[in-house]
Amino acid sequence: MANFRVGRVTQEVQREVNDILKKKVRDPRVQDVTITEVRVTGDLQQATIYYSILSDKASDLEKAQLGLEKASGLIRKELGHRLTLYKTPEIMFERDESVAYGNRIDELLRNLNKD
């Protein structure tokens, strides 16, 4: 039963954080952020939220991370209103490296085909 609950909370957090970023967070640094995955601890106390952005530039990545950290209080408060949980999990944001890795592989494959 607990695994089902963690899975459900994970999906809800991902959906709601994407929605909160679009509708509630006015920071331009996070407007291109997409939440790709959420991992919630078994006790539902912590959520690691993975995100990607379209840009690969280090400055844009840094700005997005800072924007998310600055907005995390608002996001967590908003999650508290939207989720039916006894305690809203602590949230941390981490860049989803798999998206950048996939983009790099695509680029390498395109370059191979050019030769």
PDB file of N, CA and C in Angstrom:
ATOM      1  N   MET A   1       0.827  -1.206   0.000  1.00  0.00           N
ATOM      2  CA  MET A   1       0.000   0.000   0.000  1.00  0.00           C
ATOM      3  C   MET A   1       0.862   1.257   0.000  1.00  0.00           C
ATOM      4  N   ALA A   2       1.981   1.221   0.746  1.00  0.00           N
ATOM      5  CA  ALA A   2       2.842   2.403   0.852  1.00  0.00           C
ATOM      6  C   ALA A   2       3.460   2.774  -0.494  1.00  0.00           C
ATOM      7  N   ASN A   3       3.863   1.759  -1.286  1.00  0.00           N
ATOM      8  CA  ASN A   3       4.457   2.036  -2.584  1.00  0.00           C
ATOM      9  C   ASN A   3       3.476   2.723  -3.517  1.00  0.00           C
ATOM     10  N   PHE A   4       2.219   2.291  -3.463  1.00  0.00           N
ATOM     11  CA  PHE A   4       1.178   2.935  -4.259  1.00  0.00           C
ATOM     12  C   PHE A   4       1.046   4.400  -3.863  1.00  0.00           C
ATOM     13  N   ARG A   5       1.067   4.661  -2.570  1.00  0.00           N
ATOM     14  CA  ARG A   5       0.917   6.031  -2.067  1.00  0.00           C
ATOM     15  C   ARG A   5       2.087   6.897  -2.516  1.00  0.00           C
ATOM     16  N   VAL A   6       3.319   6.377  -2.407  1.00  0.00           N
ATOM     17  CA  VAL A   6       4.495   7.134  -2.843  1.00  0.00           C
ATOM     18  C   VAL A   6       4.381   7.450  -4.335  1.00  0.00           C
ATOM     19  N   GLY A   7       3.969   6.461  -5.121  1.00  0.00           N
ATOM     20  CA  GLY A   7       3.809   6.672  -6.565  1.00  0.00           C
ATOM     21  C   GLY A   7       2.776   7.738  -6.874  1.00  0.00           C
ATOM     22  N   ARG A   8       1.683   7.698  -6.142  1.00  0.00           N
ATOM     23  CA  ARG A   8       0.614   8.684  -6.364  1.00  0.00           C
ATOM     24  C   ARG A   8       1.094  10.085  -5.984  1.00  0.00           C
ATOM     25  N   VAL A   9       1.767  10.189  -4.850  1.00  0.00           N
ATOM     26  CA  VAL A   9       2.282  11.491  -4.404  1.00  0.00           C
ATOM     27  C   VAL A   9       3.314  12.018  -5.401  1.00  0.00           C
ATOM     28  N   THR A  10       4.171  11.118  -5.895  1.00  0.00           N
ATOM     29  CA  THR A  10       5.177  11.501  -6.883  1.00  0.00           C
ATOM     30  C   THR A  10       4.529  12.126  -8.115  1.00  0.00           C
ATOM     31  N   GLN A  11       3.503  11.470  -8.640  1.00  0.00           N
ATOM     32  CA  GLN A  11       2.804  11.982  -9.820  1.00  0.00           C
ATOM     33  C   GLN A  11       2.126  13.323  -9.532  1.00  0.00           C
ATOM     34  N   GLU A  12       1.495  13.413  -8.374  1.00  0.00           N
ATOM     35  CA  GLU A  12       0.804  14.658  -8.011  1.00  0.00           C
ATOM     36  C   GLU A  12       1.794  15.812  -7.883  1.00  0.00           C
ATOM     37  N   VAL A  13       2.917  15.558  -7.223  1.00  0.00           N
ATOM     38  CA  VAL A  13       3.926  16.614  -7.044  1.00  0.00           C
ATOM     39  C   VAL A  13       4.426  17.085  -8.402  1.00  0.00           C
ATOM     40  N   GLN A  14       4.725  16.143  -9.308  1.00  0.00           N
ATOM     41  CA  GLN A  14       5.229  16.525 -10.628  1.00  0.00           C
ATOM     42  C   GLN A  14       4.207  17.379 -11.372  1.00  0.00           C
ATOM     43  N   ARG A  15       2.965  16.934 -11.384  1.00  0.00           N
ATOM     44  CA  ARG A  15       1.907  17.681 -12.087  1.00  0.00           C
ATOM     45  C   ARG A  15       1.720  19.072 -11.475  1.00  0.00           C
ATOM     46  N   GLU A  16       1.637  19.120 -10.143  1.00  0.00           N
ATOM     47  CA  GLU A  16       1.364  20.397  -9.479  1.00  0.00           C
ATOM     48  C   GLU A  16       2.534  21.379  -9.608  1.00  0.00           C
ATOM     49  N   VAL A  17       3.774  20.890  -9.481  1.00  0.00           N
ATOM     50  CA  VAL A  17       4.924  21.805  -9.578  1.00  0.00           C
ATOM     51  C   VAL A  17       5.009  22.382 -10.989  1.00  0.00           C
ATOM     52  N   ASN A  18       4.775  21.567 -12.023  1.00  0.00           N
ATOM     53  CA  ASN A  18       4.742  22.097 -13.391  1.00  0.00           C
ATOM     54  C   ASN A  18       3.683  23.193 -13.507  1.00  0.00           C
ATOM     55  N   ASP A  19       2.513  22.950 -12.916  1.00  0.00           N
ATOM     56  CA  ASP A  19       1.418  23.916 -12.964  1.00  0.00           C
ATOM     57  C   ASP A  19       1.767  25.192 -12.184  1.00  0.00           C
ATOM     58  N   ILE A  20       2.353  25.020 -11.007  1.00  0.00           N
ATOM     59  CA  ILE A  20       2.728  26.166 -10.173  1.00  0.00           C
ATOM     60  C   ILE A  20       3.769  27.023 -10.900  1.00  0.00           C
ATOM     61  N   LEU A  21       4.747  26.382 -11.536  1.00  0.00           N
ATOM     62  CA  LEU A  21       5.770  27.133 -12.265  1.00  0.00           C
ATOM     63  C   LEU A  21       5.150  27.951 -13.395  1.00  0.00           C
ATOM     64  N   LYS A  22       4.160  27.373 -14.077  1.00  0.00           N
ATOM     65  CA  LYS A  22       3.522  28.079 -15.195  1.00  0.00           C
ATOM     66  C   LYS A  22       2.629  29.227 -14.725  1.00  0.00           C
ATOM     67  N   LYS A  23       1.888  28.994 -13.632  1.00  0.00           N
ATOM     68  CA  LYS A  23       0.822  29.930 -13.266  1.00  0.00           C
ATOM     69  C   LYS A  23       1.138  30.854 -12.102  1.00  0.00           C
ATOM     70  N   LYS A  24       2.013  30.438 -11.195  1.00  0.00           N
ATOM     71  CA  LYS A  24       2.198  31.210  -9.961  1.00  0.00           C
ATOM     72  C   LYS A  24       3.566  31.883  -9.850  1.00  0.00           C
ATOM     73  N   VAL A  25       4.593  31.276 -10.440  1.00  0.00           N
ATOM     74  CA  VAL A  25       5.945  31.809 -10.285  1.00  0.00           C
ATOM     75  C   VAL A  25       6.201  32.800 -11.423  1.00  0.00           C
ATOM     76  N   ARG A  26       6.457  34.037 -11.056  1.00  0.00           N
ATOM     77  CA  ARG A  26       6.625  35.096 -12.055  1.00  0.00           C
ATOM     78  C   ARG A  26       8.086  35.320 -12.452  1.00  0.00           C
ATOM     79  N   ASP A  27       8.983  34.524 -11.904  1.00  0.00           N
ATOM     80  CA  ASP A  27      10.419  34.702 -12.140  1.00  0.00           C
ATOM     81  C   ASP A  27      10.783  34.255 -13.558  1.00  0.00           C
ATOM     82  N   PRO A  28      11.322  35.162 -14.384  1.00  0.00           N
ATOM     83  CA  PRO A  28      11.669  34.786 -15.767  1.00  0.00           C
ATOM     84  C   PRO A  28      12.752  33.705 -15.847  1.00  0.00           C
ATOM     85  N   ARG A  29      13.512  33.540 -14.783  1.00  0.00           N
ATOM     86  CA  ARG A  29      14.579  32.530 -14.806  1.00  0.00           C
ATOM     87  C   ARG A  29      14.029  31.105 -14.868  1.00  0.00           C
ATOM     88  N   VAL A  30      12.772  30.924 -14.481  1.00  0.00           N
ATOM     89  CA  VAL A  30      12.217  29.565 -14.450  1.00  0.00           C
ATOM     90  C   VAL A  30      11.130  29.339 -15.502  1.00  0.00           C
ATOM     91  N   GLN A  31      10.949  30.280 -16.424  1.00  0.00           N
ATOM     92  CA  GLN A  31       9.839  30.133 -17.365  1.00  0.00           C
ATOM     93  C   GLN A  31      10.041  28.985 -18.356  1.00  0.00           C
ATOM     94  N   ASP A  32      11.278  28.582 -18.629  1.00  0.00           N
ATOM     95  CA  ASP A  32      11.527  27.477 -19.556  1.00  0.00           C
ATOM     96  C   ASP A  32      11.810  26.158 -18.852  1.00  0.00           C
ATOM     97  N   VAL A  33      11.573  26.110 -17.548  1.00  0.00           N
ATOM     98  CA  VAL A  33      11.853  24.901 -16.765  1.00  0.00           C
ATOM     99  C   VAL A  33      10.713  23.898 -16.932  1.00  0.00           C
ATOM    100  N   THR A  34      11.078  22.642 -17.153  1.00  0.00           N
ATOM    101  CA  THR A  34      10.110  21.546 -17.192  1.00  0.00           C
ATOM    102  C   THR A  34      10.504  20.523 -16.134  1.00  0.00           C
ATOM    103  N   ILE A  35       9.541  20.119 -15.343  1.00  0.00           N
ATOM    104  CA  ILE A  35       9.799  19.090 -14.328  1.00  0.00           C
ATOM    105  C   ILE A  35       9.729  17.735 -15.030  1.00  0.00           C
ATOM    106  N   THR A  36      10.841  16.994 -14.982  1.00  0.00           N
ATOM    107  CA  THR A  36      10.928  15.734 -15.711  1.00  0.00           C
ATOM    108  C   THR A  36      10.680  14.517 -14.827  1.00  0.00           C
ATOM    109  N   GLU A  37      10.987  14.646 -13.541  1.00  0.00           N
ATOM    110  CA  GLU A  37      10.843  13.499 -12.644  1.00  0.00           C
ATOM    111  C   GLU A  37      10.811  13.997 -11.209  1.00  0.00           C
ATOM    112  N   VAL A  38      10.143  13.253 -10.362  1.00  0.00           N
ATOM    113  CA  VAL A  38      10.118  13.548  -8.927  1.00  0.00           C
ATOM    114  C   VAL A  38      10.412  12.251  -8.194  1.00  0.00           C
ATOM    115  N   ARG A  39      11.254  12.335  -7.184  1.00  0.00           N
ATOM    116  CA  ARG A  39      11.502  11.173  -6.318  1.00  0.00           C
ATOM    117  C   ARG A  39      11.151  11.578  -4.895  1.00  0.00           C
ATOM    118  N   VAL A  40      10.258  10.815  -4.291  1.00  0.00           N
ATOM    119  CA  VAL A  40       9.790  11.097  -2.935  1.00  0.00           C
ATOM    120  C   VAL A  40      10.291   9.975  -2.030  1.00  0.00           C
ATOM    121  N   THR A  41      10.784  10.348  -0.847  1.00  0.00           N
ATOM    122  CA  THR A  41      11.216   9.327   0.105  1.00  0.00           C
ATOM    123  C   THR A  41      10.006   8.536   0.589  1.00  0.00           C
ATOM    124  N   GLY A  42      10.248   7.313   1.064  1.00  0.00           N
ATOM    125  CA  GLY A  42       9.176   6.419   1.500  1.00  0.00           C
ATOM    126  C   GLY A  42       8.294   7.006   2.586  1.00  0.00           C
ATOM    127  N   ASP A  43       8.870   7.883   3.427  1.00  0.00           N
ATOM    128  CA  ASP A  43       8.074   8.501   4.497  1.00  0.00           C
ATOM    129  C   ASP A  43       7.409   9.804   4.044  1.00  0.00           C
ATOM    130  N   LEU A  44       7.554  10.131   2.764  1.00  0.00           N
ATOM    131  CA  LEU A  44       6.947  11.325   2.148  1.00  0.00           C
ATOM    132  C   LEU A  44       7.464  12.637   2.755  1.00  0.00           C
ATOM    133  N   GLN A  45       8.633  12.591   3.381  1.00  0.00           N
ATOM    134  CA  GLN A  45       9.166  13.791   4.035  1.00  0.00           C
ATOM    135  C   GLN A  45       9.982  14.669   3.082  1.00  0.00           C
ATOM    136  N   GLN A  46      10.576  14.058   2.060  1.00  0.00           N
ATOM    137  CA  GLN A  46      11.421  14.820   1.142  1.00  0.00           C
ATOM    138  C   GLN A  46      11.094  14.465  -0.298  1.00  0.00           C
ATOM    139  N   ALA A  47      11.161  15.473  -1.147  1.00  0.00           N
ATOM    140  CA  ALA A  47      10.956  15.260  -2.579  1.00  0.00           C
ATOM    141  C   ALA A  47      12.112  15.913  -3.328  1.00  0.00           C
ATOM    142  N   THR A  48      12.756  15.125  -4.177  1.00  0.00           N
ATOM    143  CA  THR A  48      13.762  15.679  -5.074  1.00  0.00           C
ATOM    144  C   THR A  48      13.080  15.850  -6.423  1.00  0.00           C
ATOM    145  N   ILE A  49      13.122  17.083  -6.914  1.00  0.00           N
ATOM    146  CA  ILE A  49      12.413  17.425  -8.140  1.00  0.00           C
ATOM    147  C   ILE A  49      13.460  17.672  -9.228  1.00  0.00           C
ATOM    148  N   TYR A  50      13.415  16.829 -10.263  1.00  0.00           N
ATOM    149  CA  TYR A  50      14.372  16.940 -11.367  1.00  0.00           C
ATOM    150  C   TYR A  50      13.756  17.774 -12.471  1.00  0.00           C
ATOM    151  N   TYR A  51      14.570  18.646 -13.062  1.00  0.00           N
ATOM    152  CA  TYR A  51      14.060  19.551 -14.089  1.00  0.00           C
ATOM    153  C   TYR A  51      15.037  19.624 -15.255  1.00  0.00           C
ATOM    154  N   SER A  52      14.519  20.101 -16.374  1.00  0.00           N
ATOM    155  CA  SER A  52      15.381  20.377 -17.524  1.00  0.00           C
ATOM    156  C   SER A  52      14.987  21.742 -18.076  1.00  0.00           C
ATOM    157  N   ILE A  53      15.921  22.334 -18.797  1.00  0.00           N
ATOM    158  CA  ILE A  53      15.613  23.563 -19.535  1.00  0.00           C
ATOM    159  C   ILE A  53      16.157  23.384 -20.942  1.00  0.00           C
ATOM    160  N   LEU A  54      15.665  24.191 -21.863  1.00  0.00           N
ATOM    161  CA  LEU A  54      16.049  24.030 -23.266  1.00  0.00           C
ATOM    162  C   LEU A  54      17.498  24.426 -23.521  1.00  0.00           C
ATOM    163  N   SER A  55      18.009  25.355 -22.752  1.00  0.00           N
ATOM    164  CA  SER A  55      19.359  25.865 -22.982  1.00  0.00           C
ATOM    165  C   SER A  55      20.404  24.963 -22.333  1.00  0.00           C
ATOM    166  N   ASP A  56      21.571  24.857 -22.965  1.00  0.00           N
ATOM    167  CA  ASP A  56      22.698  24.139 -22.370  1.00  0.00           C
ATOM    168  C   ASP A  56      23.738  25.113 -21.803  1.00  0.00           C
ATOM    169  N   LYS A  57      23.476  26.415 -21.940  1.00  0.00           N
ATOM    170  CA  LYS A  57      24.456  27.405 -21.474  1.00  0.00           C
ATOM    171  C   LYS A  57      24.553  27.381 -19.951  1.00  0.00           C
ATOM    172  N   ALA A  58      25.784  27.376 -19.455  1.00  0.00           N
ATOM    173  CA  ALA A  58      26.005  27.298 -18.008  1.00  0.00           C
ATOM    174  C   ALA A  58      25.302  28.443 -17.278  1.00  0.00           C
ATOM    175  N   SER A  59      25.328  29.638 -17.863  1.00  0.00           N
ATOM    176  CA  SER A  59      24.706  30.794 -17.192  1.00  0.00           C
ATOM    177  C   SER A  59      23.195  30.599 -17.065  1.00  0.00           C
ATOM    178  N   ASP A  60      22.558  30.042 -18.089  1.00  0.00           N
ATOM    179  CA  ASP A  60      21.114  29.792 -18.034  1.00  0.00           C
ATOM    180  C   ASP A  60      20.788  28.708 -17.014  1.00  0.00           C
ATOM    181  N   LEU A  61      21.636  27.682 -16.965  1.00  0.00           N
ATOM    182  CA  LEU A  61      21.424  26.596 -16.002  1.00  0.00           C
ATOM    183  C   LEU A  61      21.532  27.124 -14.575  1.00  0.00           C
ATOM    184  N   GLU A  62      22.527  27.972 -14.362  1.00  0.00           N
ATOM    185  CA  GLU A  62      22.728  28.553 -13.029  1.00  0.00           C
ATOM    186  C   GLU A  62      21.547  29.444 -12.637  1.00  0.00           C
ATOM    187  N   LYS A  63      21.083  30.260 -13.591  1.00  0.00           N
ATOM    188  CA  LYS A  63      19.944  31.145 -13.327  1.00  0.00           C
ATOM    189  C   LYS A  63      18.692  30.333 -12.994  1.00  0.00           C
ATOM    190  N   ALA A  64      18.461  29.249 -13.737  1.00  0.00           N
ATOM    191  CA  ALA A  64      17.285  28.411 -13.493  1.00  0.00           C
ATOM    192  C   ALA A  64      17.355  27.812 -12.095  1.00  0.00           C
ATOM    193  N   GLN A  65      18.526  27.312 -11.714  1.00  0.00           N
ATOM    194  CA  GLN A  65      18.682  26.712 -10.379  1.00  0.00           C
ATOM    195  C   GLN A  65      18.434  27.763  -9.293  1.00  0.00           C
ATOM    196  N   LEU A  66      19.001  28.949  -9.469  1.00  0.00           N
ATOM    197  CA  LEU A  66      18.798  30.025  -8.485  1.00  0.00           C
ATOM    198  C   LEU A  66      17.327  30.435  -8.417  1.00  0.00           C
ATOM    199  N   GLY A  67      16.690  30.528  -9.581  1.00  0.00           N
ATOM    200  CA  GLY A  67      15.270  30.890  -9.620  1.00  0.00           C
ATOM    201  C   GLY A  67      14.404  29.867  -8.913  1.00  0.00           C
ATOM    202  N   LEU A  68      14.709  28.573  -9.128  1.00  0.00           N
ATOM    203  CA  LEU A  68      13.946  27.510  -8.472  1.00  0.00           C
ATOM    204  C   LEU A  68      14.162  27.530  -6.966  1.00  0.00           C
ATOM    205  N   GLU A  69      15.413  27.749  -6.556  1.00  0.00           N
ATOM    206  CA  GLU A  69      15.697  27.808  -5.118  1.00  0.00           C
ATOM    207  C   GLU A  69      14.972  28.978  -4.474  1.00  0.00           C
ATOM    208  N   LYS A  70      14.955  30.118  -5.168  1.00  0.00           N
ATOM    209  CA  LYS A  70      14.275  31.302  -4.645  1.00  0.00           C
ATOM    210  C   LYS A  70      12.763  31.063  -4.550  1.00  0.00           C
ATOM    211  N   ALA A  71      12.218  30.322  -5.511  1.00  0.00           N
ATOM    212  CA  ALA A  71      10.770  30.081  -5.547  1.00  0.00           C
ATOM    213  C   ALA A  71      10.353  28.876  -4.711  1.00  0.00           C
ATOM    214  N   SER A  72      11.307  28.136  -4.151  1.00  0.00           N
ATOM    215  CA  SER A  72      10.963  26.871  -3.486  1.00  0.00           C
ATOM    216  C   SER A  72      10.006  27.065  -2.316  1.00  0.00           C
ATOM    217  N   GLY A  73      10.122  28.156  -1.578  1.00  0.00           N
ATOM    218  CA  GLY A  73       9.197  28.423  -0.473  1.00  0.00           C
ATOM    219  C   GLY A  73       7.770  28.576  -0.964  1.00  0.00           C
ATOM    220  N   LEU A  74       7.599  29.373  -2.008  1.00  0.00           N
ATOM    221  CA  LEU A  74       6.280  29.578  -2.613  1.00  0.00           C
ATOM    222  C   LEU A  74       5.741  28.262  -3.180  1.00  0.00           C
ATOM    223  N   ILE A  75       6.605  27.513  -3.862  1.00  0.00           N
ATOM    224  CA  ILE A  75       6.186  26.244  -4.471  1.00  0.00           C
ATOM    225  C   ILE A  75       5.744  25.269  -3.381  1.00  0.00           C
ATOM    226  N   ARG A  76       6.522  25.178  -2.299  1.00  0.00           N
ATOM    227  CA  ARG A  76       6.181  24.247  -1.220  1.00  0.00           C
ATOM    228  C   ARG A  76       4.871  24.667  -0.536  1.00  0.00           C
ATOM    229  N   LYS A  77       4.703  25.961  -0.312  1.00  0.00           N
ATOM    230  CA  LYS A  77       3.476  26.466   0.305  1.00  0.00           C
ATOM    231  C   LYS A  77       2.263  26.143  -0.580  1.00  0.00           C
ATOM    232  N   GLU A  78       2.428  26.366  -1.873  1.00  0.00           N
ATOM    233  CA  GLU A  78       1.348  26.085  -2.828  1.00  0.00           C
ATOM    234  C   GLU A  78       1.049  24.584  -2.873  1.00  0.00           C
ATOM    235  N   LEU A  79       2.098  23.762  -2.833  1.00  0.00           N
ATOM    236  CA  LEU A  79       1.902  22.299  -2.783  1.00  0.00           C
ATOM    237  C   LEU A  79       1.110  21.907  -1.542  1.00  0.00           C
ATOM    238  N   GLY A  80       1.407  22.562  -0.439  1.00  0.00           N
ATOM    239  CA  GLY A  80       0.701  22.277   0.807  1.00  0.00           C
ATOM    240  C   GLY A  80      -0.802  22.484   0.686  1.00  0.00           C
ATOM    241  N   HIS A  81      -1.191  23.507  -0.100  1.00  0.00           N
ATOM    242  CA  HIS A  81      -2.619  23.775  -0.308  1.00  0.00           C
ATOM    243  C   HIS A  81      -3.250  22.745  -1.245  1.00  0.00           C
ATOM    244  N   ARG A  82      -2.467  22.270  -2.217  1.00  0.00           N
ATOM    245  CA  ARG A  82      -3.018  21.414  -3.266  1.00  0.00           C
ATOM    246  C   ARG A  82      -2.998  19.926  -2.937  1.00  0.00           C
ATOM    247  N   LEU A  83      -2.053  19.492  -2.124  1.00  0.00           N
ATOM    248  CA  LEU A  83      -1.923  18.065  -1.824  1.00  0.00           C
ATOM    249  C   LEU A  83      -2.642  17.731  -0.525  1.00  0.00           C
ATOM    250  N   THR A  84      -3.229  16.553  -0.484  1.00  0.00           N
ATOM    251  CA  THR A  84      -3.900  16.122   0.740  1.00  0.00           C
ATOM    252  C   THR A  84      -2.942  15.262   1.560  1.00  0.00           C
ATOM    253  N   LEU A  85      -1.927  15.913   2.096  1.00  0.00           N
ATOM    254  CA  LEU A  85      -0.929  15.233   2.912  1.00  0.00           C
ATOM    255  C   LEU A  85      -0.895  15.867   4.290  1.00  0.00           C
ATOM    256  N   TYR A  86      -0.559  15.060   5.271  1.00  0.00           N
ATOM    257  CA  TYR A  86      -0.435  15.562   6.641  1.00  0.00           C
ATOM    258  C   TYR A  86       0.678  16.601   6.709  1.00  0.00           C
ATOM    259  N   LYS A  87       1.798  16.321   6.063  1.00  0.00           N
ATOM    260  CA  LYS A  87       2.933  17.242   6.072  1.00  0.00           C
ATOM    261  C   LYS A  87       3.472  17.367   4.652  1.00  0.00           C
ATOM    262  N   THR A  88       3.646  18.585   4.195  1.00  0.00           N
ATOM    263  CA  THR A  88       4.199  18.820   2.863  1.00  0.00           C
ATOM    264  C   THR A  88       5.682  18.464   2.869  1.00  0.00           C
ATOM    265  N   PRO A  89       6.139  17.673   1.888  1.00  0.00           N
ATOM    266  CA  PRO A  89       7.560  17.291   1.887  1.00  0.00           C
ATOM    267  C   PRO A  89       8.487  18.483   1.667  1.00  0.00           C
ATOM    268  N   GLU A  90       9.683  18.383   2.225  1.00  0.00           N
ATOM    269  CA  GLU A  90      10.741  19.342   1.892  1.00  0.00           C
ATOM    270  C   GLU A  90      11.074  19.107   0.426  1.00  0.00           C
ATOM    271  N   ILE A  91      11.361  20.177  -0.321  1.00  0.00           N
ATOM    272  CA  ILE A  91      11.661  19.986  -1.737  1.00  0.00           C
ATOM    273  C   ILE A  91      13.067  20.478  -2.073  1.00  0.00           C
ATOM    274  N   MET A  92      13.703  19.739  -2.955  1.00  0.00           N
ATOM    275  CA  MET A  92      15.015  20.114  -3.486  1.00  0.00           C
ATOM    276  C   MET A  92      14.940  19.995  -4.998  1.00  0.00           C
ATOM    277  N   PHE A  93      15.623  20.891  -5.686  1.00  0.00           N
ATOM    278  CA  PHE A  93      15.642  20.854  -7.140  1.00  0.00           C
ATOM    279  C   PHE A  93      17.006  20.398  -7.631  1.00  0.00           C
ATOM    280  N   GLU A  94      16.999  19.483  -8.602  1.00  0.00           N
ATOM    281  CA  GLU A  94      18.242  19.043  -9.233  1.00  0.00           C
ATOM    282  C   GLU A  94      18.026  18.977 -10.731  1.00  0.00           C
ATOM    283  N   ARG A  95      19.048  19.381 -11.475  1.00  0.00           N
ATOM    284  CA  ARG A  95      18.966  19.339 -12.925  1.00  0.00           C
ATOM    285  C   ARG A  95      18.958  17.886 -13.389  1.00  0.00           C
ATOM    286  N   ASP A  96      18.085  17.587 -14.333  1.00  0.00           N
ATOM    287  CA  ASP A  96      18.008  16.240 -14.896  1.00  0.00           C
ATOM    288  C   ASP A  96      19.100  16.102 -15.955  1.00  0.00           C
ATOM    289  N   GLU A  97      20.160  15.419 -15.595  1.00  0.00           N
ATOM    290  CA  GLU A  97      21.305  15.268 -16.493  1.00  0.00           C
ATOM    291  C   GLU A  97      20.994  14.365 -17.682  1.00  0.00           C
ATOM    292  N   SER A  98      20.002  13.487 -17.547  1.00  0.00           N
ATOM    293  CA  SER A  98      19.718  12.536 -18.625  1.00  0.00           C
ATOM    294  C   SER A  98      19.245  13.239 -19.890  1.00  0.00           C
ATOM    295  N   VAL A  99      18.547  14.379 -19.740  1.00  0.00           N
ATOM    296  CA  VAL A  99      18.069  15.122 -20.907  1.00  0.00           C
ATOM    297  C   VAL A  99      19.262  15.692 -21.672  1.00  0.00           C
ATOM    298  N   ALA A 100      20.199  16.307 -20.957  1.00  0.00           N
ATOM    299  CA  ALA A 100      21.399  16.855 -21.598  1.00  0.00           C
ATOM    300  C   ALA A 100      22.212  15.737 -22.243  1.00  0.00           C
ATOM    301  N   TYR A 101      22.303  14.602 -21.566  1.00  0.00           N
ATOM    302  CA  TYR A 101      23.043  13.458 -22.091  1.00  0.00           C
ATOM    303  C   TYR A 101      22.408  12.979 -23.394  1.00  0.00           C
ATOM    304  N   GLY A 102      21.104  12.868 -23.420  1.00  0.00           N
ATOM    305  CA  GLY A 102      20.378  12.452 -24.631  1.00  0.00           C
ATOM    306  C   GLY A 102      20.586  13.425 -25.775  1.00  0.00           C
ATOM    307  N   ASN A 103      20.565  14.717 -25.458  1.00  0.00           N
ATOM    308  CA  ASN A 103      20.800  15.738 -26.485  1.00  0.00           C
ATOM    309  C   ASN A 103      22.205  15.614 -27.066  1.00  0.00           C
ATOM    310  N   ARG A 104      23.171  15.337 -26.205  1.00  0.00           N
ATOM    311  CA  ARG A 104      24.567  15.179 -26.648  1.00  0.00           C
ATOM    312  C   ARG A 104      24.700  13.967 -27.565  1.00  0.00           C
ATOM    313  N   ILE A 105      24.052  12.869 -27.227  1.00  0.00           N
ATOM    314  CA  ILE A 105      24.080  11.668 -28.067  1.00  0.00           C
ATOM    315  C   ILE A 105      23.463  11.976 -29.436  1.00  0.00           C
ATOM    316  N   ASP A 106      22.317  12.681 -29.444  1.00  0.00           N
ATOM    317  CA  ASP A 106      21.671  13.063 -30.714  1.00  0.00           C
ATOM    318  C   ASP A 106      22.617  13.884 -31.577  1.00  0.00           C
ATOM    319  N   GLU A 107      23.301  14.831 -30.934  1.00  0.00           N
ATOM    320  CA  GLU A 107      24.235  15.694 -31.658  1.00  0.00           C
ATOM    321  C   GLU A 107      25.375  14.867 -32.262  1.00  0.00           C
ATOM    322  N   LEU A 108      25.928  13.944 -31.482  1.00  0.00           N
ATOM    323  CA  LEU A 108      27.009  13.080 -31.985  1.00  0.00           C
ATOM    324  C   LEU A 108      26.534  12.230 -33.159  1.00  0.00           C
ATOM    325  N   LEU A 109      25.333  11.692 -33.068  1.00  0.00           N
ATOM    326  CA  LEU A 109      24.795  10.889 -34.153  1.00  0.00           C
ATOM    327  C   LEU A 109      24.580  11.716 -35.421  1.00  0.00           C
ATOM    328  N   ARG A 110      24.083  12.939 -35.260  1.00  0.00           N
ATOM    329  CA  ARG A 110      23.896  13.820 -36.426  1.00  0.00           C
ATOM    330  C   ARG A 110      25.239  14.103 -37.087  1.00  0.00           C
ATOM    331  N   ASN A 111      26.262  14.360 -36.272  1.00  0.00           N
ATOM    332  CA  ASN A 111      27.596  14.648 -36.817  1.00  0.00           C
ATOM    333  C   ASN A 111      28.195  13.437 -37.519  1.00  0.00           C
ATOM    334  N   LEU A 112      27.910  12.249 -37.017  1.00  0.00           N
ATOM    335  CA  LEU A 112      28.398  11.022 -37.677  1.00  0.00           C
ATOM    336  C   LEU A 112      27.796  10.893 -39.069  1.00  0.00           C
ATOM    337  N   ASN A 113      26.522  11.215 -39.193  1.00  0.00           N
ATOM    338  CA  ASN A 113      25.837  11.081 -40.471  1.00  0.00           C
ATOM    339  C   ASN A 113      26.311  12.102 -41.504  1.00  0.00           C
ATOM    340  N   LYS A 114      26.893  13.201 -41.043  1.00  0.00           N
ATOM    341  CA  LYS A 114      27.376  14.234 -41.968  1.00  0.00           C
ATOM    342  C   LYS A 114      28.614  13.787 -42.745  1.00  0.00           C
ATOM    343  N   ASP A 115      29.416  12.928 -42.118  1.00  0.00           N
ATOM    344  CA  ASP A 115      30.699  12.531 -42.737  1.00  0.00           C
ATOM    345  C   ASP A 115      30.548  11.654 -43.952  1.00  0.00           C
TER     346      ASP A 115
END
